[in-house]
Amino acid sequence: MEAKRSIITLGHWPQSTGKPEPIQWLVLEQQEQTALCLSRMILDAQPYHRDGGATSWKDCSLRRWLNEEFLPAAFSPQEQARILPTPLQSPGGETVDRIFLLAPPADWPDYNMMEDSEDYYSFPPEDCAMTTPYARERGAWFVEDPGPDQYLGSWCIRYPGVLLHDNPRPDYTSSVNFDGHIEAVAQETESLDGIRPAIRLSVPPVQ
């Protein structure tokens, strides 16, 4: 299921056990000194917004969790120095974040998105993600039936219920399903969602 992409190992987070383990990141796009990276696995389950209701990436609780809790817990100070502040354009206003969710296809226009129609896109199936045992224990949805798709999960993207959809629903999340299809209106913002963080990394490391 997985594309032949470069993999970077950075940081630690519980995955197969309750103890932190090395995190692997897929390199989606590389420039001369930076790389856009996406976690190889769905690492956790969190609500997009704990209070529920309509919100934006700028104001959601998940943004705070990623940058205020996940970042210092998963990365050493030396590793954090490699993670670059990234300006992001999202409904609700621009933010600058070090850990974020993707908003395909806006974050990397040249990426090989599959266009199903003028209004809907799919994430390439070879880049879909498995849930870790830890993420499943935390409540991430996954395919339970035995077979090649078992343990594949869905993961939340940055725009809440507005991406490529005629009737925006900012009280719902948008997610990439296990088969790569982007669900513009997936579930209520207070519901648990699979979390697949993204980072822009300094390559080589900042000295």
N, C-alpha and C. Protein backbone atom coordinates (compact mmCIF):
# COMPACT_ATOMS: atom_id res chain seq x y z
N MET A 1 0.82 -1.22 0.00
CA MET A 1 0.00 0.00 0.00
C MET A 1 0.85 1.26 0.00
N GLU A 2 2.12 1.17 0.33
CA GLU A 2 2.90 2.36 0.61
C GLU A 2 3.77 2.74 -0.57
N ALA A 3 3.84 4.03 -0.88
CA ALA A 3 4.65 4.51 -1.98
C ALA A 3 6.13 4.35 -1.64
N LYS A 4 6.97 4.35 -2.70
CA LYS A 4 8.41 4.27 -2.51
C LYS A 4 8.92 5.67 -2.22
N ARG A 5 8.84 6.08 -0.99
CA ARG A 5 9.23 7.41 -0.59
C ARG A 5 10.41 7.34 0.37
N SER A 6 11.17 8.43 0.42
CA SER A 6 12.22 8.53 1.43
C SER A 6 11.56 8.57 2.80
N ILE A 7 12.22 7.99 3.77
CA ILE A 7 11.71 7.96 5.13
C ILE A 7 12.74 8.59 6.06
N ILE A 8 12.29 9.49 6.91
CA ILE A 8 13.12 10.12 7.94
C ILE A 8 12.62 9.66 9.30
N THR A 9 13.52 9.31 10.19
CA THR A 9 13.15 8.94 11.55
C THR A 9 13.50 10.09 12.47
N LEU A 10 12.49 10.57 13.19
CA LEU A 10 12.68 11.72 14.09
C LEU A 10 11.61 11.69 15.16
N GLY A 11 12.02 11.86 16.42
CA GLY A 11 11.08 11.92 17.53
C GLY A 11 10.64 10.55 17.99
N HIS A 12 9.87 10.54 19.08
CA HIS A 12 9.37 9.30 19.68
C HIS A 12 7.93 9.49 20.13
N TRP A 13 7.11 8.45 19.94
CA TRP A 13 5.70 8.47 20.39
C TRP A 13 5.27 7.03 20.61
N PRO A 14 4.40 6.76 21.59
CA PRO A 14 3.91 5.38 21.77
C PRO A 14 3.28 4.86 20.48
N GLN A 15 3.58 3.61 20.14
CA GLN A 15 3.02 3.02 18.92
C GLN A 15 2.56 1.59 19.15
N SER A 16 3.48 0.66 19.30
CA SER A 16 3.08 -0.73 19.54
C SER A 16 2.92 -1.03 21.02
N THR A 17 3.48 -0.18 21.87
CA THR A 17 3.35 -0.32 23.33
C THR A 17 3.03 1.05 23.89
N GLY A 18 2.94 1.13 25.21
CA GLY A 18 2.72 2.42 25.85
C GLY A 18 3.97 3.25 25.97
N LYS A 19 5.11 2.69 25.56
CA LYS A 19 6.38 3.41 25.68
C LYS A 19 6.71 4.09 24.34
N PRO A 20 7.34 5.27 24.39
CA PRO A 20 7.68 5.97 23.16
C PRO A 20 8.61 5.16 22.26
N GLU A 21 8.34 5.19 20.97
CA GLU A 21 9.14 4.51 19.95
C GLU A 21 9.45 5.49 18.84
N PRO A 22 10.52 5.26 18.06
CA PRO A 22 10.89 6.19 16.99
C PRO A 22 9.75 6.39 15.98
N ILE A 23 9.55 7.64 15.57
CA ILE A 23 8.52 7.99 14.59
C ILE A 23 9.16 8.04 13.21
N GLN A 24 8.53 7.39 12.24
CA GLN A 24 8.97 7.45 10.85
C GLN A 24 8.09 8.44 10.08
N TRP A 25 8.75 9.23 9.22
CA TRP A 25 8.07 10.27 8.45
C TRP A 25 8.31 10.04 6.96
N LEU A 26 7.25 10.09 6.17
CA LEU A 26 7.37 10.02 4.71
C LEU A 26 7.70 11.41 4.17
N VAL A 27 8.65 11.50 3.28
CA VAL A 27 9.00 12.77 2.65
C VAL A 27 8.09 12.95 1.43
N LEU A 28 7.18 13.90 1.53
CA LEU A 28 6.23 14.17 0.44
C LEU A 28 6.82 15.10 -0.61
N GLU A 29 7.64 16.03 -0.14
CA GLU A 29 8.18 17.05 -1.04
C GLU A 29 9.49 17.53 -0.45
N GLN A 30 10.53 17.59 -1.27
CA GLN A 30 11.83 18.04 -0.77
C GLN A 30 12.34 19.17 -1.63
N GLN A 31 12.75 20.24 -0.97
CA GLN A 31 13.42 21.34 -1.63
C GLN A 31 14.89 21.31 -1.22
N GLU A 32 15.63 22.36 -1.52
CA GLU A 32 17.07 22.31 -1.29
C GLU A 32 17.42 22.08 0.17
N GLN A 33 16.73 22.75 1.08
CA GLN A 33 17.08 22.66 2.50
C GLN A 33 15.90 22.33 3.40
N THR A 34 14.75 22.02 2.83
CA THR A 34 13.59 21.68 3.64
C THR A 34 12.87 20.48 3.04
N ALA A 35 12.12 19.79 3.88
CA ALA A 35 11.33 18.64 3.43
C ALA A 35 9.98 18.68 4.11
N LEU A 36 8.91 18.53 3.33
CA LEU A 36 7.57 18.39 3.87
C LEU A 36 7.37 16.92 4.20
N CYS A 37 7.09 16.62 5.46
CA CYS A 37 7.02 15.24 5.93
C CYS A 37 5.67 14.96 6.58
N LEU A 38 5.21 13.74 6.41
CA LEU A 38 3.95 13.26 6.98
C LEU A 38 4.24 11.97 7.73
N SER A 39 3.70 11.84 8.93
CA SER A 39 3.97 10.62 9.69
C SER A 39 3.54 9.39 8.90
N ARG A 40 4.37 8.37 8.92
CA ARG A 40 4.08 7.15 8.15
C ARG A 40 2.84 6.45 8.67
N MET A 41 2.60 6.54 9.98
CA MET A 41 1.47 5.87 10.62
C MET A 41 0.51 6.91 11.19
N ILE A 42 -0.72 6.49 11.41
CA ILE A 42 -1.68 7.28 12.19
C ILE A 42 -1.29 7.07 13.65
N LEU A 43 -0.86 8.13 14.32
CA LEU A 43 -0.17 8.01 15.61
C LEU A 43 -1.08 8.11 16.82
N ASP A 44 -2.23 8.75 16.67
CA ASP A 44 -3.05 9.01 17.86
C ASP A 44 -4.48 9.23 17.43
N ALA A 45 -5.35 9.45 18.40
CA ALA A 45 -6.74 9.83 18.14
C ALA A 45 -7.07 11.01 19.05
N GLN A 46 -7.54 12.07 18.47
CA GLN A 46 -7.89 13.29 19.20
C GLN A 46 -9.11 13.92 18.55
N PRO A 47 -9.91 14.68 19.30
CA PRO A 47 -10.96 15.46 18.65
C PRO A 47 -10.37 16.67 17.95
N TYR A 48 -10.98 17.08 16.87
CA TYR A 48 -10.55 18.30 16.20
C TYR A 48 -10.77 19.51 17.10
N HIS A 49 -11.89 19.50 17.83
CA HIS A 49 -12.18 20.59 18.76
C HIS A 49 -12.95 20.02 19.94
N ARG A 50 -12.34 20.03 21.10
CA ARG A 50 -12.93 19.38 22.28
C ARG A 50 -14.28 19.97 22.66
N ASP A 51 -14.48 21.26 22.41
CA ASP A 51 -15.74 21.90 22.78
C ASP A 51 -16.84 21.65 21.75
N GLY A 52 -16.47 21.09 20.59
CA GLY A 52 -17.46 20.82 19.56
C GLY A 52 -17.92 22.08 18.86
N GLY A 53 -18.81 21.90 17.90
CA GLY A 53 -19.38 23.02 17.18
C GLY A 53 -18.47 23.53 16.07
N ALA A 54 -18.91 24.59 15.42
CA ALA A 54 -18.17 25.17 14.31
C ALA A 54 -16.88 25.79 14.80
N THR A 55 -15.81 25.58 14.05
CA THR A 55 -14.52 26.16 14.42
C THR A 55 -13.66 26.26 13.18
N SER A 56 -12.44 26.72 13.34
CA SER A 56 -11.46 26.81 12.27
C SER A 56 -10.16 26.20 12.78
N TRP A 57 -9.23 25.93 11.85
CA TRP A 57 -7.93 25.43 12.28
C TRP A 57 -7.26 26.40 13.26
N LYS A 58 -7.40 27.69 13.02
CA LYS A 58 -6.77 28.68 13.88
C LYS A 58 -7.23 28.55 15.32
N ASP A 59 -8.48 28.21 15.54
CA ASP A 59 -9.06 28.21 16.88
C ASP A 59 -9.29 26.83 17.48
N CYS A 60 -9.01 25.76 16.74
CA CYS A 60 -9.38 24.43 17.24
C CYS A 60 -8.43 23.93 18.32
N SER A 61 -8.93 23.05 19.18
CA SER A 61 -8.10 22.50 20.26
C SER A 61 -7.02 21.57 19.74
N LEU A 62 -7.23 20.95 18.58
CA LEU A 62 -6.23 20.03 18.04
C LEU A 62 -4.95 20.78 17.67
N ARG A 63 -5.08 21.97 17.13
CA ARG A 63 -3.90 22.77 16.81
C ARG A 63 -3.08 23.04 18.07
N ARG A 64 -3.76 23.38 19.16
CA ARG A 64 -3.05 23.62 20.41
C ARG A 64 -2.41 22.33 20.91
N TRP A 65 -3.13 21.21 20.82
CA TRP A 65 -2.57 19.94 21.30
C TRP A 65 -1.30 19.57 20.54
N LEU A 66 -1.33 19.71 19.22
CA LEU A 66 -0.18 19.35 18.41
C LEU A 66 1.04 20.20 18.74
N ASN A 67 0.84 21.50 18.91
CA ASN A 67 1.97 22.41 19.08
C ASN A 67 2.38 22.64 20.53
N GLU A 68 1.48 22.41 21.47
CA GLU A 68 1.80 22.65 22.87
C GLU A 68 2.00 21.38 23.68
N GLU A 69 1.46 20.26 23.22
CA GLU A 69 1.60 19.00 23.95
C GLU A 69 2.39 17.96 23.15
N PHE A 70 1.97 17.68 21.92
CA PHE A 70 2.66 16.68 21.12
C PHE A 70 4.10 17.09 20.82
N LEU A 71 4.32 18.32 20.40
CA LEU A 71 5.66 18.78 20.02
C LEU A 71 6.69 18.58 21.12
N PRO A 72 6.48 19.11 22.34
CA PRO A 72 7.51 18.92 23.36
C PRO A 72 7.60 17.49 23.89
N ALA A 73 6.50 16.73 23.78
CA ALA A 73 6.53 15.35 24.26
C ALA A 73 7.22 14.42 23.28
N ALA A 74 7.10 14.68 21.99
CA ALA A 74 7.60 13.77 20.97
C ALA A 74 9.03 14.07 20.53
N PHE A 75 9.49 15.31 20.72
CA PHE A 75 10.79 15.71 20.17
C PHE A 75 11.68 16.33 21.23
N SER A 76 12.95 15.99 21.18
CA SER A 76 13.94 16.62 22.05
C SER A 76 14.15 18.06 21.61
N PRO A 77 14.77 18.90 22.45
CA PRO A 77 15.06 20.27 22.00
C PRO A 77 15.89 20.32 20.73
N GLN A 78 16.82 19.40 20.58
CA GLN A 78 17.64 19.36 19.37
C GLN A 78 16.79 19.01 18.14
N GLU A 79 15.87 18.07 18.33
CA GLU A 79 14.97 17.70 17.23
C GLU A 79 14.01 18.83 16.90
N GLN A 80 13.51 19.50 17.94
CA GLN A 80 12.60 20.62 17.71
C GLN A 80 13.26 21.72 16.89
N ALA A 81 14.58 21.87 17.02
CA ALA A 81 15.28 22.91 16.27
C ALA A 81 15.25 22.65 14.77
N ARG A 82 15.00 21.41 14.37
CA ARG A 82 14.92 21.07 12.94
C ARG A 82 13.53 21.31 12.37
N ILE A 83 12.52 21.45 13.23
CA ILE A 83 11.14 21.58 12.77
C ILE A 83 10.84 23.07 12.56
N LEU A 84 10.56 23.44 11.33
CA LEU A 84 10.45 24.84 10.96
C LEU A 84 9.04 25.38 11.17
N PRO A 85 8.91 26.61 11.66
CA PRO A 85 7.59 27.26 11.66
C PRO A 85 7.09 27.40 10.23
N THR A 86 5.87 26.95 10.00
CA THR A 86 5.32 26.92 8.64
C THR A 86 4.09 27.81 8.54
N PRO A 87 4.11 28.83 7.69
CA PRO A 87 2.91 29.64 7.45
C PRO A 87 1.86 28.80 6.73
N LEU A 88 0.64 28.85 7.23
CA LEU A 88 -0.45 28.04 6.67
C LEU A 88 -1.64 28.93 6.35
N GLN A 89 -2.20 28.75 5.18
CA GLN A 89 -3.43 29.43 4.81
C GLN A 89 -4.60 28.46 5.03
N SER A 90 -5.55 28.88 5.84
CA SER A 90 -6.71 28.04 6.14
C SER A 90 -7.93 28.93 6.28
N PRO A 91 -9.14 28.39 6.05
CA PRO A 91 -10.34 29.15 6.38
C PRO A 91 -10.30 29.57 7.85
N GLY A 92 -10.54 30.82 8.11
CA GLY A 92 -10.47 31.32 9.48
C GLY A 92 -9.23 32.16 9.74
N GLY A 93 -8.26 32.13 8.82
CA GLY A 93 -7.10 32.98 8.99
C GLY A 93 -5.78 32.24 8.88
N GLU A 94 -4.72 32.98 8.61
CA GLU A 94 -3.38 32.40 8.49
C GLU A 94 -2.82 32.08 9.87
N THR A 95 -2.08 31.00 9.97
CA THR A 95 -1.38 30.63 11.19
C THR A 95 0.06 30.30 10.83
N VAL A 96 0.91 30.25 11.85
CA VAL A 96 2.29 29.78 11.69
C VAL A 96 2.47 28.66 12.71
N ASP A 97 2.63 27.43 12.23
CA ASP A 97 2.67 26.27 13.11
C ASP A 97 3.87 25.40 12.79
N ARG A 98 4.35 24.70 13.81
CA ARG A 98 5.45 23.77 13.60
C ARG A 98 4.93 22.35 13.39
N ILE A 99 3.84 22.01 14.02
CA ILE A 99 3.15 20.74 13.78
C ILE A 99 1.77 21.09 13.25
N PHE A 100 1.34 20.41 12.20
CA PHE A 100 0.06 20.78 11.60
C PHE A 100 -0.55 19.57 10.91
N LEU A 101 -1.77 19.74 10.44
CA LEU A 101 -2.43 18.76 9.59
C LEU A 101 -2.33 19.23 8.15
N LEU A 102 -2.28 18.28 7.24
CA LEU A 102 -2.28 18.63 5.83
C LEU A 102 -3.64 19.14 5.38
N ALA A 103 -3.62 19.90 4.29
CA ALA A 103 -4.86 20.32 3.63
C ALA A 103 -4.70 20.06 2.14
N PRO A 104 -4.73 18.78 1.73
CA PRO A 104 -4.54 18.48 0.31
C PRO A 104 -5.70 19.02 -0.53
N PRO A 105 -5.42 19.51 -1.74
CA PRO A 105 -4.09 19.62 -2.37
C PRO A 105 -3.42 20.96 -2.16
N ALA A 106 -3.94 21.78 -1.25
CA ALA A 106 -3.45 23.16 -1.13
C ALA A 106 -2.00 23.24 -0.65
N ASP A 107 -1.56 22.33 0.22
CA ASP A 107 -0.24 22.46 0.81
C ASP A 107 0.89 22.15 -0.15
N TRP A 108 0.64 21.35 -1.15
CA TRP A 108 1.70 21.04 -2.12
C TRP A 108 1.04 20.87 -3.49
N PRO A 109 0.89 21.98 -4.23
CA PRO A 109 0.14 21.96 -5.49
C PRO A 109 0.67 20.96 -6.51
N ASP A 110 1.95 20.64 -6.48
CA ASP A 110 2.51 19.73 -7.48
C ASP A 110 2.40 18.27 -7.07
N TYR A 111 1.84 18.01 -5.90
CA TYR A 111 1.74 16.63 -5.43
C TYR A 111 0.75 15.84 -6.30
N ASN A 112 0.96 14.56 -6.42
CA ASN A 112 0.18 13.72 -7.33
C ASN A 112 -1.18 13.36 -6.74
N MET A 113 -2.03 14.36 -6.57
CA MET A 113 -3.40 14.10 -6.16
C MET A 113 -4.16 13.50 -7.35
N MET A 114 -5.11 12.62 -7.06
CA MET A 114 -5.94 12.05 -8.11
C MET A 114 -7.26 12.81 -8.18
N GLU A 115 -7.51 13.44 -9.31
CA GLU A 115 -8.71 14.26 -9.45
C GLU A 115 -9.86 13.39 -9.95
N ASP A 116 -10.86 13.20 -9.09
CA ASP A 116 -12.03 12.41 -9.47
C ASP A 116 -13.02 13.23 -10.28
N SER A 117 -13.08 14.51 -10.00
CA SER A 117 -13.98 15.41 -10.70
C SER A 117 -13.48 16.81 -10.43
N GLU A 118 -14.24 17.81 -10.80
CA GLU A 118 -13.84 19.19 -10.53
C GLU A 118 -13.93 19.51 -9.05
N ASP A 119 -14.68 18.72 -8.29
CA ASP A 119 -14.95 19.07 -6.90
C ASP A 119 -14.33 18.14 -5.88
N TYR A 120 -13.91 16.94 -6.27
CA TYR A 120 -13.43 15.97 -5.29
C TYR A 120 -12.09 15.39 -5.69
N TYR A 121 -11.27 15.17 -4.71
CA TYR A 121 -9.96 14.58 -4.91
C TYR A 121 -9.81 13.37 -4.00
N SER A 122 -8.88 12.50 -4.37
CA SER A 122 -8.52 11.38 -3.51
C SER A 122 -7.03 11.43 -3.22
N PHE A 123 -6.65 11.04 -2.03
CA PHE A 123 -5.25 10.88 -1.69
C PHE A 123 -4.79 9.57 -2.33
N PRO A 124 -3.60 9.52 -2.93
CA PRO A 124 -3.16 8.28 -3.58
C PRO A 124 -3.22 7.09 -2.62
N PRO A 125 -3.84 5.99 -3.00
CA PRO A 125 -4.01 4.85 -2.09
C PRO A 125 -2.70 4.33 -1.53
N GLU A 126 -1.60 4.43 -2.31
CA GLU A 126 -0.34 3.91 -1.81
C GLU A 126 0.20 4.73 -0.64
N ASP A 127 -0.36 5.92 -0.41
CA ASP A 127 0.06 6.74 0.72
C ASP A 127 -0.94 6.71 1.87
N CYS A 128 -1.91 5.83 1.81
CA CYS A 128 -2.83 5.68 2.94
C CYS A 128 -2.07 5.09 4.12
N ALA A 129 -2.64 5.15 5.31
CA ALA A 129 -1.85 4.86 6.50
C ALA A 129 -2.48 3.82 7.39
N MET A 130 -1.62 3.02 8.00
CA MET A 130 -2.01 2.09 9.04
C MET A 130 -2.15 2.84 10.37
N THR A 131 -3.05 2.38 11.19
CA THR A 131 -3.13 2.85 12.57
C THR A 131 -2.14 2.07 13.41
N THR A 132 -1.53 2.72 14.39
CA THR A 132 -0.72 1.99 15.35
C THR A 132 -1.62 1.34 16.39
N PRO A 133 -1.17 0.29 17.08
CA PRO A 133 -1.96 -0.26 18.18
C PRO A 133 -2.32 0.81 19.21
N TYR A 134 -1.39 1.72 19.48
CA TYR A 134 -1.66 2.79 20.44
C TYR A 134 -2.81 3.67 19.95
N ALA A 135 -2.79 4.05 18.67
CA ALA A 135 -3.86 4.90 18.14
C ALA A 135 -5.21 4.18 18.21
N ARG A 136 -5.21 2.87 17.95
CA ARG A 136 -6.47 2.11 18.04
C ARG A 136 -6.97 2.09 19.47
N GLU A 137 -6.07 1.92 20.41
CA GLU A 137 -6.47 1.94 21.82
C GLU A 137 -7.02 3.30 22.22
N ARG A 138 -6.51 4.35 21.59
CA ARG A 138 -6.96 5.71 21.91
C ARG A 138 -8.29 6.05 21.25
N GLY A 139 -8.76 5.18 20.34
CA GLY A 139 -10.07 5.39 19.74
C GLY A 139 -10.07 5.70 18.27
N ALA A 140 -8.92 5.59 17.59
CA ALA A 140 -8.88 5.85 16.15
C ALA A 140 -9.68 4.77 15.40
N TRP A 141 -10.46 5.19 14.42
CA TRP A 141 -11.20 4.23 13.60
C TRP A 141 -10.23 3.47 12.71
N PHE A 142 -10.53 2.18 12.45
CA PHE A 142 -9.68 1.38 11.56
C PHE A 142 -10.51 0.26 10.95
N VAL A 143 -10.00 -0.30 9.87
CA VAL A 143 -10.65 -1.43 9.21
C VAL A 143 -10.39 -2.68 10.05
N GLU A 144 -11.45 -3.30 10.53
CA GLU A 144 -11.31 -4.46 11.41
C GLU A 144 -11.26 -5.78 10.64
N ASP A 145 -11.91 -5.85 9.48
CA ASP A 145 -12.01 -7.11 8.75
C ASP A 145 -10.64 -7.60 8.29
N PRO A 146 -10.35 -8.89 8.46
CA PRO A 146 -9.08 -9.44 7.97
C PRO A 146 -8.94 -9.23 6.47
N GLY A 147 -7.72 -8.99 6.03
CA GLY A 147 -7.46 -8.76 4.62
C GLY A 147 -6.40 -7.71 4.44
N PRO A 148 -6.13 -7.31 3.19
CA PRO A 148 -5.04 -6.36 2.93
C PRO A 148 -5.27 -4.98 3.52
N ASP A 149 -6.53 -4.62 3.79
CA ASP A 149 -6.83 -3.29 4.35
C ASP A 149 -6.91 -3.29 5.87
N GLN A 150 -6.74 -4.43 6.51
CA GLN A 150 -6.90 -4.49 7.96
C GLN A 150 -5.94 -3.52 8.64
N TYR A 151 -6.48 -2.76 9.58
CA TYR A 151 -5.78 -1.77 10.39
C TYR A 151 -5.50 -0.46 9.67
N LEU A 152 -5.83 -0.36 8.37
CA LEU A 152 -5.80 0.96 7.75
C LEU A 152 -6.84 1.86 8.44
N GLY A 153 -6.55 3.15 8.53
CA GLY A 153 -7.46 4.05 9.22
C GLY A 153 -7.77 5.30 8.42
N SER A 154 -8.60 6.15 8.98
CA SER A 154 -8.87 7.46 8.39
C SER A 154 -8.16 8.51 9.25
N TRP A 155 -7.81 9.62 8.63
CA TRP A 155 -7.06 10.66 9.35
C TRP A 155 -7.54 12.03 8.95
N CYS A 156 -7.56 12.88 9.94
CA CYS A 156 -8.15 14.21 9.83
C CYS A 156 -7.24 15.14 9.03
N ILE A 157 -7.84 16.01 8.22
CA ILE A 157 -7.09 17.05 7.53
C ILE A 157 -7.48 18.41 8.09
N ARG A 158 -6.78 19.45 7.63
CA ARG A 158 -6.81 20.73 8.36
C ARG A 158 -8.13 21.48 8.24
N TYR A 159 -8.77 21.42 7.08
CA TYR A 159 -9.99 22.19 6.90
C TYR A 159 -11.17 21.46 7.54
N PRO A 160 -11.88 22.09 8.47
CA PRO A 160 -13.03 21.42 9.08
C PRO A 160 -14.28 21.52 8.21
N GLY A 161 -14.63 20.42 7.56
CA GLY A 161 -15.89 20.33 6.85
C GLY A 161 -16.10 21.33 5.75
N VAL A 162 -15.03 21.84 5.13
CA VAL A 162 -15.22 22.84 4.08
C VAL A 162 -14.50 22.46 2.80
N LEU A 163 -13.54 21.55 2.83
CA LEU A 163 -12.72 21.26 1.66
C LEU A 163 -13.56 20.69 0.52
N LEU A 164 -13.54 21.37 -0.63
CA LEU A 164 -14.15 20.84 -1.84
C LEU A 164 -15.58 20.40 -1.63
N HIS A 165 -16.36 21.23 -1.01
CA HIS A 165 -17.73 20.84 -0.70
C HIS A 165 -18.66 22.02 -0.94
N ASP A 166 -19.82 21.76 -1.52
CA ASP A 166 -20.75 22.83 -1.88
C ASP A 166 -21.38 23.49 -0.67
N ASN A 167 -21.57 22.75 0.40
CA ASN A 167 -22.23 23.27 1.59
C ASN A 167 -21.29 23.15 2.79
N PRO A 168 -20.48 24.17 3.05
CA PRO A 168 -19.49 24.10 4.13
C PRO A 168 -20.14 23.76 5.47
N ARG A 169 -19.49 22.87 6.22
CA ARG A 169 -19.96 22.49 7.54
C ARG A 169 -18.80 22.58 8.53
N PRO A 170 -18.47 23.76 9.03
CA PRO A 170 -17.34 23.91 9.93
C PRO A 170 -17.54 23.27 11.30
N ASP A 171 -18.72 22.65 11.52
CA ASP A 171 -18.93 21.88 12.75
C ASP A 171 -18.61 20.41 12.54
N TYR A 172 -18.11 20.06 11.35
CA TYR A 172 -17.70 18.70 11.02
C TYR A 172 -16.24 18.72 10.54
N THR A 173 -15.56 17.60 10.70
CA THR A 173 -14.20 17.49 10.19
C THR A 173 -14.19 16.99 8.75
N SER A 174 -13.06 17.18 8.08
CA SER A 174 -12.78 16.54 6.80
C SER A 174 -11.67 15.52 7.04
N SER A 175 -11.76 14.36 6.39
CA SER A 175 -10.81 13.28 6.65
C SER A 175 -10.45 12.56 5.36
N VAL A 176 -9.25 11.94 5.36
CA VAL A 176 -8.85 11.03 4.30
C VAL A 176 -9.23 9.63 4.77
N ASN A 177 -10.07 8.95 4.01
CA ASN A 177 -10.54 7.62 4.39
C ASN A 177 -9.46 6.59 4.13
N PHE A 178 -9.70 5.36 4.60
CA PHE A 178 -8.70 4.30 4.46
C PHE A 178 -8.34 4.00 3.01
N ASP A 179 -9.26 4.29 2.08
CA ASP A 179 -9.02 4.01 0.66
C ASP A 179 -8.51 5.22 -0.10
N GLY A 180 -8.23 6.32 0.61
CA GLY A 180 -7.71 7.52 -0.02
C GLY A 180 -8.74 8.57 -0.35
N HIS A 181 -10.02 8.23 -0.31
CA HIS A 181 -11.06 9.20 -0.64
C HIS A 181 -11.15 10.25 0.46
N ILE A 182 -11.21 11.52 0.05
CA ILE A 182 -11.34 12.61 1.02
C ILE A 182 -12.82 12.84 1.29
N GLU A 183 -13.21 12.64 2.53
CA GLU A 183 -14.58 12.92 2.96
C GLU A 183 -14.65 14.36 3.44
N ALA A 184 -15.33 15.21 2.67
CA ALA A 184 -15.38 16.62 3.00
C ALA A 184 -16.12 16.87 4.30
N VAL A 185 -17.15 16.10 4.59
CA VAL A 185 -17.89 16.22 5.84
C VAL A 185 -17.90 14.85 6.47
N ALA A 186 -17.02 14.62 7.43
CA ALA A 186 -16.80 13.29 7.97
C ALA A 186 -17.53 13.04 9.28
N GLN A 187 -17.25 13.84 10.30
CA GLN A 187 -17.91 13.65 11.59
C GLN A 187 -17.81 14.93 12.41
N GLU A 188 -18.57 14.98 13.50
CA GLU A 188 -18.61 16.19 14.30
C GLU A 188 -17.24 16.50 14.89
N THR A 189 -16.96 17.79 15.07
CA THR A 189 -15.62 18.21 15.47
C THR A 189 -15.20 17.67 16.84
N GLU A 190 -16.15 17.33 17.70
CA GLU A 190 -15.77 16.81 19.03
C GLU A 190 -15.50 15.31 19.01
N SER A 191 -15.73 14.63 17.89
CA SER A 191 -15.51 13.19 17.79
C SER A 191 -14.02 12.90 17.63
N LEU A 192 -13.61 11.71 18.09
CA LEU A 192 -12.22 11.31 17.94
C LEU A 192 -11.88 11.08 16.46
N ASP A 193 -10.70 11.52 16.06
CA ASP A 193 -10.25 11.39 14.69
C ASP A 193 -8.82 10.85 14.70
N GLY A 194 -8.46 10.08 13.67
CA GLY A 194 -7.08 9.64 13.53
C GLY A 194 -6.18 10.83 13.24
N ILE A 195 -5.01 10.86 13.89
CA ILE A 195 -4.11 12.00 13.76
C ILE A 195 -2.82 11.55 13.07
N ARG A 196 -2.52 12.21 11.96
CA ARG A 196 -1.31 11.94 11.17
C ARG A 196 -0.60 13.28 10.99
N PRO A 197 0.29 13.64 11.92
CA PRO A 197 0.88 14.98 11.89
C PRO A 197 1.78 15.19 10.68
N ALA A 198 1.94 16.45 10.33
CA ALA A 198 2.86 16.87 9.28
C ALA A 198 3.83 17.90 9.85
N ILE A 199 5.04 17.93 9.29
CA ILE A 199 6.06 18.89 9.69
C ILE A 199 6.83 19.33 8.45
N ARG A 200 7.43 20.52 8.53
CA ARG A 200 8.41 20.92 7.52
C ARG A 200 9.76 20.95 8.22
N LEU A 201 10.67 20.15 7.71
CA LEU A 201 11.90 19.84 8.39
C LEU A 201 13.09 20.49 7.71
N SER A 202 14.01 20.99 8.53
CA SER A 202 15.26 21.52 8.00
C SER A 202 16.17 20.36 7.59
N VAL A 203 16.66 20.41 6.37
CA VAL A 203 17.58 19.39 5.86
C VAL A 203 18.74 20.10 5.17
N PRO A 204 19.96 20.01 5.65
CA PRO A 204 20.41 19.27 6.83
C PRO A 204 20.01 19.97 8.12
N PRO A 205 20.30 19.33 9.28
CA PRO A 205 19.90 19.92 10.56
C PRO A 205 20.46 21.31 10.77
N VAL A 206 19.66 22.13 11.46
CA VAL A 206 20.14 23.45 11.88
C VAL A 206 21.27 23.25 12.89
N GLN A 207 22.38 23.96 12.71
CA GLN A 207 23.51 23.82 13.63
C GLN A 207 23.35 24.78 14.81
